[in-house]
Amino acid sequence: MKNVRVADMLLSESEVASLVVKGWVRTKRESKEFVFLEINDGSCLKNLQAIVDTGAEGFDQLERVNTGAAVSLEGALVESPGQGQKWELKVRRLEVLGEADPSYPLQKKRHTDEYLRTIAHLRPRTNKFGALNRIRAELAFGVHKFFHERGFFHVHAPIITGSDCEGAGEMFQVTTFDLANVPKKGGKADFEQDFFGKEASLTVSGQLAAENLACALGRVYTFGPTFRAENSNTPKHAAEFWMIEPEMAFASLTDNMDLGEDCIKWLIQYLLDNCRDDLELFGNFVDKTLFATLHNILAKPFVRLPYAEAVGILKSAPRNFEFPVDFGTDLQTEHERYLTEEHFKQPVIVFDYPKEIKAFYMRLNDDDKTVGAMDVLVPRIGELIGGSAREERLSVLERRIDELGLPKEEYWWYLDLRRFGSVPHAGFGMGFERLLMLVTGISNIRDVIPFPRTPRHLEF
């Protein structure tokens, strides 16, 4: 007999005479003639109540059933006389698929996030993290749907790279060397003897590869894992995270801002339409202001603010910041949150940053001081999107690479894009985990990714 998901049973429009459900026991309550089991199979937030009486085949196995045990239940889906539930399962046959040792750590109703991070292999079985992972899956599907409907092609950027997109140098090295016996040349590792014949790293961004493909296909996006070897323990940073990175040929900075704002709003509305039950868990127990925040983001156009004006607002703010702000300094999270939560009380797109604090590939403005960069700032999170118009002029790009002391030979292929049919183009990167933090109210990135990779943390 075919197994039926709990989510599908709860949406049934009529009683079903015979079906099978398989899942894990959340609670077990006993009376003289009945045992009540709450069953969850991960398909939805709600449990299915199952009633096992003494006449059910396998009733004697119930002594082996503890919280966390896996069971198979065959029976009839019938209307429930109890409040708060439409259906319940009247069990005819019970089979224990997997016992749960009495030491099962999730028997308590509430655990701290810090404790659950130490058992990341089990925390998806809790209501909170089950809901989080369903939202994550639906949001990922929504990302693909959004871009597909707008004529973007999904492309795959390499994970192993020889280029540092950000120029920050905080990259994980990839090597086949025996680290106890690294071949040397001139006192340094001789990477000519390594697998690729040169230094290789895990990528920090799929952007440069996406630019290549956008200059052939027009509109593309990558959506994959990226890595940064930054020894940071802030709630917003992880060593492994996922990025959504669209690139558009024949596009300006304004086009880029339009796409970023449209993407955020569309994805929020998509989740409100498709994950209501799971989102309500976070609205009820994690952040009481969650739905107000999300609806506020949808309500009106984002503020668009030149960097110089943003600095002026921050310098005249009636409060002291931990990090002083002046023209030429990068905005910190406290500055971003002030703009979005206190001054404008809505998302803000800051654009036209000083060239000194932005990457080499961002298009130089006519003032020769700023570049066509943009950051989309949202409440609670700060920066959610970072992007720019890309520098399409060969001579300007070469000059910027030289100014920053980057090895021009490493970017020969990137420069070729400017030699052969160069066009104005633009793109951005949006942190998938930061987006999840926004839509759930979760305050730590370690709790929106199934198995967080942070300094000195690698569970398996």
Protein backbone atom coordinates (compact mmCIF):
# COMPACT_ATOMS: atom_id res chain seq x y z
CA MET A 1 0.00 0.00 0.00
CA LYS A 2 1.33 3.44 -0.96
CA ASN A 3 2.64 5.69 1.76
CA VAL A 4 0.74 9.01 2.10
CA ARG A 5 2.37 12.17 3.42
CA VAL A 6 0.97 13.80 6.54
CA ALA A 7 0.63 17.10 4.65
CA ASP A 8 -1.59 15.42 2.07
CA MET A 9 -3.72 13.67 4.72
CA LEU A 10 -4.41 16.91 6.54
CA LEU A 11 -5.61 18.48 3.27
CA SER A 12 -7.89 15.56 2.43
CA GLU A 13 -11.43 16.50 1.45
CA SER A 14 -12.97 13.22 2.61
CA GLU A 15 -12.37 10.22 4.81
CA VAL A 16 -10.07 7.51 3.44
CA ALA A 17 -10.83 3.88 4.29
CA SER A 18 -7.28 2.58 4.08
CA LEU A 19 -3.86 4.19 3.87
CA VAL A 20 -0.35 4.05 5.33
CA VAL A 21 1.60 6.84 6.99
CA LYS A 22 5.23 6.60 8.01
CA GLY A 23 6.92 9.08 10.29
CA TRP A 24 8.44 9.87 13.65
CA VAL A 25 6.64 9.96 16.98
CA ARG A 26 6.53 13.43 18.49
CA THR A 27 4.43 12.53 21.55
CA LYS A 28 2.85 9.45 23.06
CA ARG A 29 -0.11 9.52 25.48
CA GLU A 30 -1.60 6.42 27.02
CA SER A 31 -5.01 5.61 28.46
CA LYS A 32 -6.52 2.28 29.49
CA GLU A 33 -7.80 1.27 26.08
CA PHE A 34 -6.04 3.67 23.68
CA VAL A 35 -2.64 5.08 22.91
CA PHE A 36 -2.48 8.46 21.17
CA LEU A 37 0.54 9.12 18.94
CA GLU A 38 1.41 12.43 17.32
CA ILE A 39 3.15 11.62 14.04
CA ASN A 40 5.26 13.95 11.91
CA ASP A 41 6.97 12.97 8.65
CA GLY A 42 8.59 16.33 7.87
CA SER A 43 6.17 17.20 5.08
CA CYS A 44 4.54 20.01 7.08
CA LEU A 45 4.59 21.69 10.46
CA LYS A 46 1.46 20.02 11.82
CA ASN A 47 1.32 16.51 13.28
CA LEU A 48 -1.23 13.83 12.55
CA GLN A 49 -2.92 12.27 15.56
CA ALA A 50 -3.06 8.48 15.42
CA ILE A 51 -5.21 6.37 17.74
CA VAL A 52 -4.08 2.82 18.46
CA ASP A 53 -6.46 0.61 20.44
CA THR A 54 -5.93 -2.84 21.90
CA GLY A 55 -7.40 -4.50 18.82
CA ALA A 56 -4.76 -3.09 16.46
CA GLU A 57 -2.19 -5.48 15.10
CA GLY A 58 1.15 -4.63 16.69
CA PHE A 59 -0.39 -2.99 19.78
CA ASP A 60 2.10 -4.91 21.91
CA GLN A 61 4.96 -3.13 20.09
CA LEU A 62 3.95 0.20 21.63
CA GLU A 63 6.15 -0.48 24.64
CA ARG A 64 9.08 -0.05 22.24
CA VAL A 65 7.79 3.30 20.99
CA ASN A 66 9.38 6.38 22.57
CA THR A 67 9.57 9.97 21.38
CA GLY A 68 11.67 9.98 18.23
CA ALA A 69 10.87 6.41 17.17
CA ALA A 70 10.02 5.78 13.51
CA VAL A 71 6.77 3.90 12.85
CA SER A 72 4.57 2.71 10.01
CA LEU A 73 0.85 2.99 10.63
CA GLU A 74 -1.90 1.51 8.51
CA GLY A 75 -5.49 2.50 9.10
CA ALA A 76 -8.40 4.74 8.18
CA LEU A 77 -8.43 8.52 8.00
CA VAL A 78 -11.54 9.63 9.86
CA GLU A 79 -13.03 12.87 11.14
CA SER A 80 -11.64 13.85 14.52
CA PRO A 81 -13.97 14.74 17.36
CA GLY A 82 -11.17 16.73 18.99
CA GLN A 83 -10.73 20.47 18.61
CA GLY A 84 -8.03 21.97 16.40
CA GLN A 85 -7.79 19.05 14.00
CA LYS A 86 -10.03 17.90 11.19
CA TRP A 87 -8.67 14.38 10.72
CA GLU A 88 -7.10 11.59 12.74
CA LEU A 89 -5.85 8.13 11.87
CA LYS A 90 -7.60 5.11 13.37
CA VAL A 91 -4.80 2.53 13.32
CA ARG A 92 -5.37 -1.10 12.35
CA ARG A 93 -1.72 -2.11 12.12
CA LEU A 94 1.43 -0.68 13.70
CA GLU A 95 5.05 -1.51 12.87
CA VAL A 96 8.10 -0.09 14.59
CA LEU A 97 10.65 0.83 11.90
CA GLY A 98 13.29 2.28 14.18
CA GLU A 99 13.42 2.54 17.94
CA ALA A 100 14.63 5.68 19.68
CA ASP A 101 16.94 5.27 22.63
CA PRO A 102 15.59 6.92 25.82
CA SER A 103 18.58 9.30 25.64
CA TYR A 104 17.08 10.92 22.49
CA PRO A 105 17.95 14.59 23.08
CA LEU A 106 14.85 16.18 21.55
CA GLN A 107 12.27 15.02 24.10
CA LYS A 108 12.01 18.46 25.69
CA LYS A 109 9.74 20.98 24.00
CA ARG A 110 12.25 23.82 23.97
CA HIS A 111 16.01 23.91 23.40
CA THR A 112 18.31 26.87 22.91
CA ASP A 113 19.66 27.54 19.43
CA GLU A 114 23.18 27.26 20.84
CA TYR A 115 22.49 23.73 22.09
CA LEU A 116 20.84 22.67 18.84
CA ARG A 117 23.91 23.79 16.86
CA THR A 118 25.84 21.07 18.70
CA ILE A 119 23.47 18.44 17.29
CA ALA A 120 22.97 19.80 13.78
CA HIS A 121 22.29 16.25 12.56
CA LEU A 122 19.13 16.08 14.71
CA ARG A 123 17.89 19.67 14.87
CA PRO A 124 15.89 19.45 11.58
CA ARG A 125 13.44 17.23 13.52
CA THR A 126 12.38 20.14 15.72
CA ASN A 127 9.41 22.26 14.67
CA LYS A 128 11.58 25.35 14.20
CA PHE A 129 14.26 23.82 12.05
CA GLY A 130 11.87 21.60 10.16
CA ALA A 131 9.97 24.75 9.21
CA LEU A 132 13.22 26.54 8.38
CA ASN A 133 14.36 23.82 6.01
CA ARG A 134 10.99 23.69 4.25
CA ILE A 135 11.11 27.47 3.80
CA ARG A 136 14.68 27.19 2.52
CA ALA A 137 13.64 24.60 -0.06
CA GLU A 138 10.61 26.61 -1.20
CA LEU A 139 12.64 29.81 -1.38
CA ALA A 140 15.28 28.11 -3.54
CA PHE A 141 12.54 26.97 -5.91
CA GLY A 142 11.18 30.51 -5.92
CA VAL A 143 14.58 31.90 -6.93
CA HIS A 144 14.64 29.68 -10.00
CA LYS A 145 11.02 30.52 -10.82
CA PHE A 146 11.63 34.27 -10.53
CA PHE A 147 14.57 34.31 -12.92
CA HIS A 148 13.10 31.77 -15.32
CA GLU A 149 9.99 33.90 -15.74
CA ARG A 150 12.19 36.89 -16.66
CA GLY A 151 14.20 35.14 -19.34
CA PHE A 152 17.34 34.41 -17.33
CA PHE A 153 19.31 31.23 -17.96
CA HIS A 154 20.60 29.27 -14.94
CA VAL A 155 24.33 28.68 -15.40
CA HIS A 156 26.94 26.92 -13.28
CA ALA A 157 30.03 28.81 -12.18
CA PRO A 158 33.15 26.85 -11.18
CA ILE A 159 33.70 26.19 -7.50
CA ILE A 160 37.47 25.82 -7.94
CA THR A 161 38.99 29.01 -9.29
CA GLY A 162 42.29 30.70 -10.02
CA SER A 163 40.86 34.23 -9.59
CA ASP A 164 40.02 36.26 -6.51
CA CYS A 165 36.84 38.08 -7.50
CA GLU A 166 36.75 40.33 -4.44
CA GLY A 167 40.47 40.99 -4.23
CA ALA A 168 40.39 40.40 -0.48
CA GLY A 169 42.61 37.32 -0.43
CA GLU A 170 40.43 35.49 2.10
CA MET A 171 40.14 32.28 0.12
CA PHE A 172 40.44 28.59 0.95
CA GLN A 173 43.28 26.99 -0.98
CA VAL A 174 42.76 23.82 -3.00
CA THR A 175 45.78 21.56 -3.38
CA THR A 176 46.82 17.95 -3.81
CA PHE A 177 50.15 18.55 -2.10
CA ASP A 178 51.21 16.38 0.82
CA LEU A 179 51.21 19.17 3.41
CA ALA A 180 54.01 17.45 5.29
CA ASN A 181 56.21 17.57 2.20
CA VAL A 182 55.30 20.58 0.05
CA PRO A 183 57.67 21.09 -2.90
CA LYS A 184 59.40 24.45 -2.68
CA LYS A 185 60.89 26.89 -5.15
CA GLY A 186 62.65 30.00 -4.00
CA GLY A 187 61.49 29.31 -0.45
CA LYS A 188 57.83 29.22 -1.44
CA ALA A 189 55.43 26.45 -2.43
CA ASP A 190 56.03 25.46 -6.04
CA PHE A 191 52.51 25.40 -7.38
CA GLU A 192 53.75 24.51 -10.83
CA GLN A 193 53.98 20.97 -9.44
CA ASP A 194 50.43 21.05 -8.09
CA PHE A 195 47.37 19.56 -9.82
CA PHE A 196 46.44 22.71 -11.78
CA GLY A 197 50.00 23.99 -12.19
CA LYS A 198 49.09 27.18 -10.34
CA GLU A 199 47.45 28.32 -7.11
CA ALA A 200 43.80 27.32 -6.85
CA SER A 201 41.10 28.26 -4.36
CA LEU A 202 37.43 27.78 -3.54
CA THR A 203 35.41 30.56 -5.13
CA VAL A 204 34.12 33.57 -3.22
CA SER A 205 31.71 34.44 -6.04
CA GLY A 206 30.38 33.13 -9.33
CA GLN A 207 30.24 36.65 -10.74
CA LEU A 208 33.20 36.66 -13.10
CA ALA A 209 32.12 33.40 -14.72
CA ALA A 210 28.55 34.69 -14.96
CA GLU A 211 29.78 37.80 -16.75
CA ASN A 212 31.35 35.58 -19.40
CA LEU A 213 28.07 33.79 -19.99
CA ALA A 214 25.95 36.95 -19.86
CA CYS A 215 28.08 38.31 -22.69
CA ALA A 216 26.92 35.35 -24.76
CA LEU A 217 23.41 34.56 -23.47
CA GLY A 218 22.23 38.01 -22.42
CA ARG A 219 20.70 37.24 -19.02
CA VAL A 220 22.05 34.58 -16.69
CA TYR A 221 22.21 33.78 -13.00
CA THR A 222 24.20 31.47 -10.79
CA PHE A 223 22.93 30.03 -7.53
CA GLY A 224 25.48 28.01 -5.66
CA PRO A 225 27.89 27.65 -2.76
CA THR A 226 30.64 30.19 -2.17
CA PHE A 227 33.42 30.21 0.40
CA ARG A 228 35.34 32.77 2.40
CA ALA A 229 38.23 32.05 4.77
CA GLU A 230 37.47 35.05 6.95
CA ASN A 231 38.05 34.36 10.64
CA SER A 232 34.81 36.05 11.60
CA ASN A 233 32.37 34.95 14.28
CA THR A 234 29.64 37.50 13.68
CA PRO A 235 25.99 36.41 13.35
CA LYS A 236 26.09 37.34 9.62
CA HIS A 237 29.20 35.47 8.44
CA ALA A 238 29.92 31.85 7.58
CA ALA A 239 32.78 30.16 5.77
CA GLU A 240 30.38 28.41 3.38
CA PHE A 241 27.24 30.12 2.14
CA TRP A 242 25.02 30.30 -0.95
CA MET A 243 24.80 33.22 -3.35
CA ILE A 244 22.23 34.26 -5.94
CA GLU A 245 24.12 36.14 -8.65
CA PRO A 246 22.37 37.45 -11.79
CA GLU A 247 24.22 39.17 -14.61
CA MET A 248 22.59 41.16 -17.41
CA ALA A 249 24.10 42.30 -20.71
CA PHE A 250 22.89 45.64 -22.09
CA ALA A 251 21.95 46.80 -18.59
CA SER A 252 22.65 49.87 -16.46
CA LEU A 253 22.95 50.47 -12.73
CA THR A 254 19.30 51.54 -12.71
CA ASP A 255 18.30 48.25 -14.34
CA ASN A 256 20.29 46.49 -11.66
CA MET A 257 18.54 48.33 -8.84
CA ASP A 258 15.16 47.59 -10.41
CA LEU A 259 15.95 43.87 -10.62
CA GLY A 260 17.23 43.69 -7.04
CA GLU A 261 14.15 45.40 -5.60
CA ASP A 262 11.80 43.32 -7.76
CA CYS A 263 13.55 40.10 -6.74
CA ILE A 264 13.32 40.76 -2.99
CA LYS A 265 9.66 41.75 -3.14
CA TRP A 266 8.66 38.87 -5.41
CA LEU A 267 10.38 36.26 -3.22
CA ILE A 268 8.80 37.61 -0.03
CA GLN A 269 5.34 37.53 -1.59
CA TYR A 270 6.02 34.04 -2.94
CA LEU A 271 6.78 32.77 0.57
CA LEU A 272 3.75 34.50 2.06
CA ASP A 273 1.63 32.72 -0.54
CA ASN A 274 3.27 29.29 -0.25
CA CYS A 275 4.74 28.89 3.27
CA ARG A 276 2.22 30.59 5.51
CA ASP A 277 2.05 27.93 8.24
CA ASP A 278 5.83 27.67 8.57
CA LEU A 279 6.28 31.45 8.50
CA GLU A 280 3.69 31.86 11.24
CA LEU A 281 5.82 29.73 13.55
CA PHE A 282 8.57 32.33 13.22
CA GLY A 283 6.12 35.20 13.52
CA ASN A 284 4.73 33.73 16.74
CA PHE A 285 7.86 32.46 18.45
CA VAL A 286 10.96 34.11 16.92
CA ASP A 287 10.07 37.65 15.87
CA LYS A 288 6.65 39.10 16.70
CA THR A 289 7.26 41.93 14.20
CA LEU A 290 8.11 39.58 11.33
CA PHE A 291 4.96 39.99 9.26
CA ALA A 292 4.87 43.74 9.82
CA THR A 293 8.47 43.92 8.56
CA LEU A 294 7.74 41.82 5.47
CA HIS A 295 4.59 43.75 4.56
CA ASN A 296 6.44 47.04 5.05
CA ILE A 297 9.07 45.90 2.53
CA LEU A 298 6.30 45.15 0.03
CA ALA A 299 4.35 48.34 0.64
CA LYS A 300 6.28 50.97 -1.33
CA PRO A 301 9.32 51.57 -3.55
CA PHE A 302 12.72 51.32 -1.89
CA VAL A 303 14.51 54.57 -1.12
CA ARG A 304 17.40 55.21 -3.56
CA LEU A 305 20.15 57.19 -1.92
CA PRO A 306 23.59 58.31 -3.19
CA TYR A 307 26.39 57.28 -0.87
CA ALA A 308 27.39 60.91 -0.23
CA GLU A 309 23.87 61.69 1.00
CA ALA A 310 23.85 58.57 3.16
CA VAL A 311 27.06 59.74 4.83
CA GLY A 312 25.53 63.16 5.44
CA ILE A 313 22.48 61.62 7.12
CA LEU A 314 24.64 59.40 9.31
CA LYS A 315 26.96 62.22 10.35
CA SER A 316 23.99 64.31 11.48
CA ALA A 317 22.23 61.39 13.20
CA PRO A 318 21.19 62.10 16.82
CA ARG A 319 23.20 59.17 18.16
CA ASN A 320 26.77 57.96 18.51
CA PHE A 321 27.95 55.07 16.34
CA GLU A 322 30.60 52.59 17.38
CA PHE A 323 32.27 53.09 13.99
CA PRO A 324 32.69 56.74 12.91
CA VAL A 325 31.47 57.47 9.40
CA ASP A 326 32.93 59.86 6.84
CA PHE A 327 33.16 60.03 3.07
CA GLY A 328 35.47 57.20 2.01
CA THR A 329 34.58 54.81 4.82
CA ASP A 330 32.56 51.68 4.22
CA LEU A 331 29.17 51.53 5.87
CA GLN A 332 28.93 49.17 8.83
CA THR A 333 25.88 47.15 9.86
CA GLU A 334 24.97 49.72 12.53
CA HIS A 335 24.91 52.44 9.85
CA GLU A 336 22.84 50.32 7.49
CA ARG A 337 20.33 49.45 10.17
CA TYR A 338 20.02 53.08 11.25
CA LEU A 339 19.12 54.10 7.71
CA THR A 340 16.56 51.32 7.26
CA GLU A 341 15.09 51.01 10.76
CA GLU A 342 15.24 54.52 12.19
CA HIS A 343 15.70 57.18 9.52
CA PHE A 344 13.70 55.88 6.53
CA LYS A 345 11.95 52.94 8.23
CA GLN A 346 12.09 50.94 4.97
CA PRO A 347 14.67 49.35 2.63
CA VAL A 348 17.28 51.66 1.11
CA ILE A 349 19.46 51.27 -1.99
CA VAL A 350 22.72 53.15 -1.52
CA PHE A 351 24.64 53.77 -4.74
CA ASP A 352 27.69 55.57 -6.21
CA TYR A 353 30.32 54.57 -3.66
CA PRO A 354 33.91 55.91 -3.57
CA LYS A 355 36.07 53.83 -5.91
CA GLU A 356 38.66 53.21 -3.16
CA ILE A 357 36.31 50.98 -1.16
CA LYS A 358 34.88 48.97 -4.05
CA ALA A 359 36.13 46.22 -6.35
CA PHE A 360 38.13 46.76 -9.56
CA TYR A 361 35.35 45.61 -11.89
CA MET A 362 32.80 48.28 -10.91
CA ARG A 363 32.14 50.94 -13.54
CA LEU A 364 33.96 54.22 -12.92
CA ASN A 365 31.66 57.24 -12.90
CA ASP A 366 32.38 60.43 -14.79
CA ASP A 367 33.60 62.15 -11.61
CA ASP A 368 36.55 59.69 -11.50
CA LYS A 369 35.91 59.40 -7.76
CA THR A 370 32.94 57.07 -7.46
CA VAL A 371 31.79 53.86 -9.11
CA GLY A 372 28.37 52.64 -10.17
CA ALA A 373 27.98 50.34 -7.18
CA MET A 374 24.83 49.62 -5.23
CA ASP A 375 23.97 47.98 -1.92
CA VAL A 376 20.39 47.06 -1.03
CA LEU A 377 19.91 47.51 2.71
CA VAL A 378 16.99 46.00 4.60
CA PRO A 379 15.81 46.20 8.23
CA ARG A 380 17.49 43.91 10.80
CA ILE A 381 19.98 42.52 8.26
CA GLY A 382 21.67 45.54 6.75
CA GLU A 383 23.24 44.70 3.40
CA LEU A 384 21.29 42.02 1.55
CA ILE A 385 22.46 42.73 -2.00
CA GLY A 386 25.73 44.09 -3.30
CA GLY A 387 26.16 44.81 -6.98
CA SER A 388 27.23 47.23 -9.67
CA ALA A 389 27.39 48.20 -13.25
CA ARG A 390 30.48 46.40 -14.56
CA GLU A 391 33.35 48.29 -16.15
CA GLU A 392 32.98 47.53 -19.87
CA ARG A 393 35.70 49.89 -21.14
CA LEU A 394 38.97 48.04 -21.69
CA SER A 395 41.33 50.95 -21.02
CA VAL A 396 39.55 51.97 -17.81
CA LEU A 397 39.44 48.39 -16.54
CA GLU A 398 43.16 47.88 -17.20
CA ARG A 399 43.93 51.10 -15.36
CA ARG A 400 41.85 50.01 -12.35
CA ILE A 401 43.59 46.62 -12.20
CA ASP A 402 46.96 48.37 -12.27
CA GLU A 403 45.92 50.87 -9.57
CA LEU A 404 44.98 48.04 -7.24
CA GLY A 405 48.14 46.07 -7.94
CA LEU A 406 46.29 42.99 -9.18
CA PRO A 407 48.05 40.49 -11.49
CA LYS A 408 46.70 41.47 -14.90
CA GLU A 409 47.72 38.17 -16.44
CA GLU A 410 45.27 36.36 -14.18
CA TYR A 411 42.39 38.27 -15.77
CA TRP A 412 43.35 37.92 -19.46
CA TRP A 413 40.06 36.24 -20.26
CA TYR A 414 38.10 38.91 -18.36
CA LEU A 415 39.83 41.60 -20.39
CA ASP A 416 39.01 39.70 -23.58
CA LEU A 417 35.33 40.31 -22.90
CA ARG A 418 36.13 44.01 -23.31
CA ARG A 419 38.11 43.44 -26.52
CA PHE A 420 35.50 41.47 -28.38
CA GLY A 421 32.06 43.06 -28.54
CA SER A 422 32.00 44.73 -25.14
CA VAL A 423 28.62 45.96 -23.87
CA PRO A 424 27.35 47.76 -20.79
CA HIS A 425 26.32 45.13 -18.28
CA ALA A 426 25.43 44.84 -14.61
CA GLY A 427 24.75 42.32 -11.89
CA PHE A 428 24.61 41.67 -8.18
CA GLY A 429 25.03 39.08 -5.47
CA MET A 430 22.38 38.33 -2.87
CA GLY A 431 23.25 36.18 0.12
CA PHE A 432 20.71 33.37 0.30
CA GLU A 433 21.20 32.86 4.04
CA ARG A 434 20.77 36.58 4.74
CA LEU A 435 17.53 36.48 2.76
CA LEU A 436 16.40 33.57 4.93
CA MET A 437 17.28 35.56 8.05
CA LEU A 438 15.11 38.40 6.76
CA VAL A 439 12.05 36.24 6.04
CA THR A 440 12.20 34.20 9.26
CA GLY A 441 13.41 36.71 11.84
CA ILE A 442 16.30 34.39 12.76
CA SER A 443 19.24 36.48 13.93
CA ASN A 444 22.18 34.13 13.36
CA ILE A 445 23.32 32.75 10.02
CA ARG A 446 24.27 29.48 11.74
CA ASP A 447 20.56 28.77 12.15
CA VAL A 448 19.45 29.21 8.54
CA ILE A 449 21.90 26.79 6.93
CA PRO A 450 21.59 23.07 7.71
CA PHE A 451 25.23 22.44 8.59
CA PRO A 452 27.05 25.71 9.35
CA ARG A 453 30.73 26.05 8.54
CA THR A 454 32.31 28.65 10.79
CA PRO A 455 35.76 29.03 12.41
CA ARG A 456 36.55 25.88 14.43
CA HIS A 457 33.18 24.34 13.62
CA LEU A 458 32.94 21.39 11.24
CA GLU A 459 30.51 18.82 12.62
CA PHE A 460 30.99 16.27 9.82
